[in-house]
Structure formats: C-alpha cells, structure tokens
Amino acid sequence: MKRVRAVAVNRIAEVGTMKNLRYIALHAVAAAAFIFLLQRYALSNSLESSLLWALTFGGCAAGLAYSQVNR
C-alpha cells in the first residue's frame, strides 16, 4: 500500500516539474520573440544583432523565471 502511495506522490512531483519547465521555456521564448521583433522591425537593426539580443534577453528571462519558480 505504501509503495502505491509513493508512486502517486512521485508522479505528482513530475507533473509539477514539467509545468515549471514549460513556464520557464514559455517565458524565455516570449521575451526573445518580443526583443527580436522590436530590434529587427521597430529599430531596423541587422539580423545578427537582433538574434544576439534575442538570445541574451531569452537567457535572462529564463533565469528570472527559474528564480521565481524556485522561490
């Protein structure tokens, strides 16, 4: 009986982890897309510069989301 309960608790923890990773990834992609579109079309920067800024902001957004999830 206890083993079944332990498996159920483990599955609940896995679902929570997947939701956290999904939240982090969504936050990073949204920030990267926003900054890419801003740099590329609103500010008329080059493609390389826009991609570099998108990668930087996406990484920072992922770090921020990770720190908020683990709070």
N, C-alpha and C. Protein backbone atom coordinates (compact mmCIF):
# COMPACT_ATOMS: atom_id res chain seq x y z
N MET A 1 0.82 -1.19 0.00
CA MET A 1 0.00 0.00 0.00
C MET A 1 0.87 1.26 0.00
N LYS A 2 1.94 1.26 0.77
CA LYS A 2 2.79 2.44 0.85
C LYS A 2 3.52 2.69 -0.47
N ARG A 3 3.88 1.62 -1.17
CA ARG A 3 4.59 1.77 -2.44
C ARG A 3 3.69 2.47 -3.46
N VAL A 4 2.42 2.13 -3.48
CA VAL A 4 1.48 2.77 -4.41
C VAL A 4 1.37 4.25 -4.10
N ARG A 5 1.32 4.58 -2.84
CA ARG A 5 1.24 5.98 -2.43
C ARG A 5 2.50 6.74 -2.84
N ALA A 6 3.65 6.11 -2.69
CA ALA A 6 4.92 6.75 -3.06
C ALA A 6 4.99 7.00 -4.56
N VAL A 7 4.50 6.07 -5.35
CA VAL A 7 4.50 6.24 -6.81
C VAL A 7 3.57 7.38 -7.19
N ALA A 8 2.42 7.47 -6.55
CA ALA A 8 1.47 8.55 -6.84
C ALA A 8 2.07 9.90 -6.50
N VAL A 9 2.75 10.01 -5.38
CA VAL A 9 3.39 11.28 -4.99
C VAL A 9 4.49 11.63 -5.97
N ASN A 10 5.26 10.64 -6.42
CA ASN A 10 6.34 10.88 -7.37
C ASN A 10 5.78 11.40 -8.70
N ARG A 11 4.67 10.84 -9.16
CA ARG A 11 4.06 11.30 -10.41
C ARG A 11 3.56 12.73 -10.29
N ILE A 12 3.02 13.08 -9.14
CA ILE A 12 2.56 14.45 -8.93
C ILE A 12 3.75 15.40 -8.97
N ALA A 13 4.87 15.04 -8.40
CA ALA A 13 6.06 15.87 -8.43
C ALA A 13 6.58 16.03 -9.86
N GLU A 14 6.51 14.95 -10.67
CA GLU A 14 6.95 15.04 -12.06
C GLU A 14 6.08 16.00 -12.85
N VAL A 15 4.78 15.98 -12.62
CA VAL A 15 3.88 16.89 -13.31
C VAL A 15 4.19 18.33 -12.92
N GLY A 16 4.46 18.57 -11.66
CA GLY A 16 4.81 19.91 -11.21
C GLY A 16 6.10 20.39 -11.84
N THR A 17 7.07 19.50 -11.98
CA THR A 17 8.34 19.86 -12.61
C THR A 17 8.14 20.20 -14.07
N MET A 18 7.31 19.43 -14.77
CA MET A 18 7.06 19.70 -16.18
C MET A 18 6.34 21.04 -16.37
N LYS A 19 5.43 21.37 -15.46
CA LYS A 19 4.75 22.66 -15.54
C LYS A 19 5.76 23.79 -15.32
N ASN A 20 6.69 23.59 -14.41
CA ASN A 20 7.70 24.62 -14.15
C ASN A 20 8.61 24.80 -15.36
N LEU A 21 9.04 23.71 -15.97
CA LEU A 21 9.90 23.82 -17.15
C LEU A 21 9.15 24.47 -18.31
N ARG A 22 7.89 24.15 -18.45
CA ARG A 22 7.08 24.76 -19.50
C ARG A 22 6.96 26.26 -19.28
N TYR A 23 6.76 26.67 -18.03
CA TYR A 23 6.65 28.08 -17.70
C TYR A 23 7.96 28.82 -18.00
N ILE A 24 9.08 28.22 -17.65
CA ILE A 24 10.38 28.82 -17.89
C ILE A 24 10.63 28.97 -19.40
N ALA A 25 10.35 27.91 -20.14
CA ALA A 25 10.56 27.94 -21.59
C ALA A 25 9.65 28.96 -22.27
N LEU A 26 8.40 29.02 -21.85
CA LEU A 26 7.47 29.98 -22.43
C LEU A 26 7.91 31.41 -22.15
N HIS A 27 8.38 31.65 -20.96
CA HIS A 27 8.86 32.99 -20.59
C HIS A 27 10.06 33.38 -21.45
N ALA A 28 10.98 32.46 -21.64
CA ALA A 28 12.18 32.74 -22.43
C ALA A 28 11.83 32.98 -23.90
N VAL A 29 10.96 32.16 -24.46
CA VAL A 29 10.59 32.32 -25.87
C VAL A 29 9.82 33.62 -26.09
N ALA A 30 8.93 33.96 -25.19
CA ALA A 30 8.16 35.20 -25.33
C ALA A 30 9.07 36.42 -25.27
N ALA A 31 10.01 36.42 -24.35
CA ALA A 31 10.93 37.55 -24.22
C ALA A 31 11.84 37.65 -25.45
N ALA A 32 12.33 36.50 -25.93
CA ALA A 32 13.20 36.51 -27.10
C ALA A 32 12.45 36.98 -28.34
N ALA A 33 11.22 36.53 -28.52
CA ALA A 33 10.43 36.95 -29.68
C ALA A 33 10.14 38.45 -29.62
N PHE A 34 9.80 38.93 -28.44
CA PHE A 34 9.50 40.35 -28.30
C PHE A 34 10.71 41.21 -28.63
N ILE A 35 11.86 40.88 -28.07
CA ILE A 35 13.03 41.71 -28.29
C ILE A 35 13.53 41.58 -29.73
N PHE A 36 13.37 40.39 -30.34
CA PHE A 36 13.75 40.22 -31.74
C PHE A 36 12.90 41.12 -32.63
N LEU A 37 11.60 41.08 -32.44
CA LEU A 37 10.72 41.90 -33.27
C LEU A 37 10.96 43.39 -33.04
N LEU A 38 11.21 43.76 -31.80
CA LEU A 38 11.50 45.16 -31.50
C LEU A 38 12.78 45.60 -32.19
N GLN A 39 13.84 44.83 -32.05
CA GLN A 39 15.13 45.19 -32.63
C GLN A 39 15.09 45.17 -34.16
N ARG A 40 14.47 44.14 -34.72
CA ARG A 40 14.53 43.94 -36.16
C ARG A 40 13.64 44.92 -36.92
N TYR A 41 12.41 45.10 -36.45
CA TYR A 41 11.46 45.89 -37.24
C TYR A 41 11.23 47.30 -36.69
N ALA A 42 11.17 47.47 -35.40
CA ALA A 42 10.93 48.81 -34.86
C ALA A 42 12.21 49.66 -34.89
N LEU A 43 13.35 49.03 -34.61
CA LEU A 43 14.61 49.78 -34.58
C LEU A 43 15.46 49.56 -35.82
N SER A 44 15.04 48.68 -36.72
CA SER A 44 15.72 48.41 -38.00
C SER A 44 17.18 48.01 -37.84
N ASN A 45 17.46 47.14 -36.89
CA ASN A 45 18.82 46.63 -36.72
C ASN A 45 19.05 45.45 -37.65
N SER A 46 20.31 45.02 -37.74
CA SER A 46 20.64 43.88 -38.59
C SER A 46 20.11 42.58 -37.98
N LEU A 47 20.07 41.54 -38.81
CA LEU A 47 19.58 40.25 -38.36
C LEU A 47 20.49 39.67 -37.28
N GLU A 48 21.79 39.77 -37.46
CA GLU A 48 22.74 39.22 -36.48
C GLU A 48 22.59 39.90 -35.13
N SER A 49 22.47 41.21 -35.15
CA SER A 49 22.31 41.96 -33.91
C SER A 49 20.99 41.61 -33.22
N SER A 50 19.94 41.50 -34.01
CA SER A 50 18.63 41.17 -33.44
C SER A 50 18.64 39.78 -32.81
N LEU A 51 19.28 38.82 -33.48
CA LEU A 51 19.35 37.46 -32.93
C LEU A 51 20.19 37.41 -31.66
N LEU A 52 21.26 38.18 -31.64
CA LEU A 52 22.10 38.21 -30.44
C LEU A 52 21.34 38.79 -29.26
N TRP A 53 20.63 39.87 -29.48
CA TRP A 53 19.83 40.46 -28.41
C TRP A 53 18.71 39.52 -27.97
N ALA A 54 18.09 38.83 -28.92
CA ALA A 54 17.03 37.89 -28.58
C ALA A 54 17.57 36.75 -27.73
N LEU A 55 18.72 36.23 -28.09
CA LEU A 55 19.34 35.16 -27.30
C LEU A 55 19.68 35.64 -25.89
N THR A 56 20.22 36.85 -25.79
CA THR A 56 20.58 37.41 -24.49
C THR A 56 19.35 37.61 -23.61
N PHE A 57 18.33 38.25 -24.17
CA PHE A 57 17.13 38.51 -23.38
C PHE A 57 16.38 37.22 -23.05
N GLY A 58 16.38 36.26 -23.96
CA GLY A 58 15.75 34.97 -23.69
C GLY A 58 16.44 34.26 -22.54
N GLY A 59 17.76 34.29 -22.52
CA GLY A 59 18.50 33.67 -21.42
C GLY A 59 18.24 34.37 -20.10
N CYS A 60 18.20 35.68 -20.12
CA CYS A 60 17.91 36.43 -18.89
C CYS A 60 16.49 36.16 -18.40
N ALA A 61 15.55 36.08 -19.33
CA ALA A 61 14.16 35.79 -18.96
C ALA A 61 14.03 34.39 -18.38
N ALA A 62 14.77 33.43 -18.94
CA ALA A 62 14.74 32.07 -18.40
C ALA A 62 15.32 32.05 -16.99
N GLY A 63 16.39 32.78 -16.78
CA GLY A 63 16.97 32.86 -15.44
C GLY A 63 16.03 33.50 -14.44
N LEU A 64 15.34 34.54 -14.85
CA LEU A 64 14.39 35.20 -13.98
C LEU A 64 13.21 34.28 -13.66
N ALA A 65 12.69 33.59 -14.66
CA ALA A 65 11.58 32.66 -14.44
C ALA A 65 12.02 31.51 -13.54
N TYR A 66 13.25 31.02 -13.72
CA TYR A 66 13.77 29.93 -12.88
C TYR A 66 13.85 30.38 -11.42
N SER A 67 14.32 31.60 -11.20
CA SER A 67 14.42 32.08 -9.82
C SER A 67 13.04 32.28 -9.20
N GLN A 68 12.06 32.66 -9.99
CA GLN A 68 10.70 32.84 -9.46
C GLN A 68 10.03 31.49 -9.17
N VAL A 69 10.28 30.50 -10.00
CA VAL A 69 9.68 29.18 -9.79
C VAL A 69 10.26 28.53 -8.54
N ASN A 70 11.53 28.73 -8.28
CA ASN A 70 12.19 28.10 -7.14
C ASN A 70 12.10 28.94 -5.87
N ARG A 71 11.32 29.93 -5.86
CA ARG A 71 11.18 30.81 -4.71
C ARG A 71 10.41 30.14 -3.61
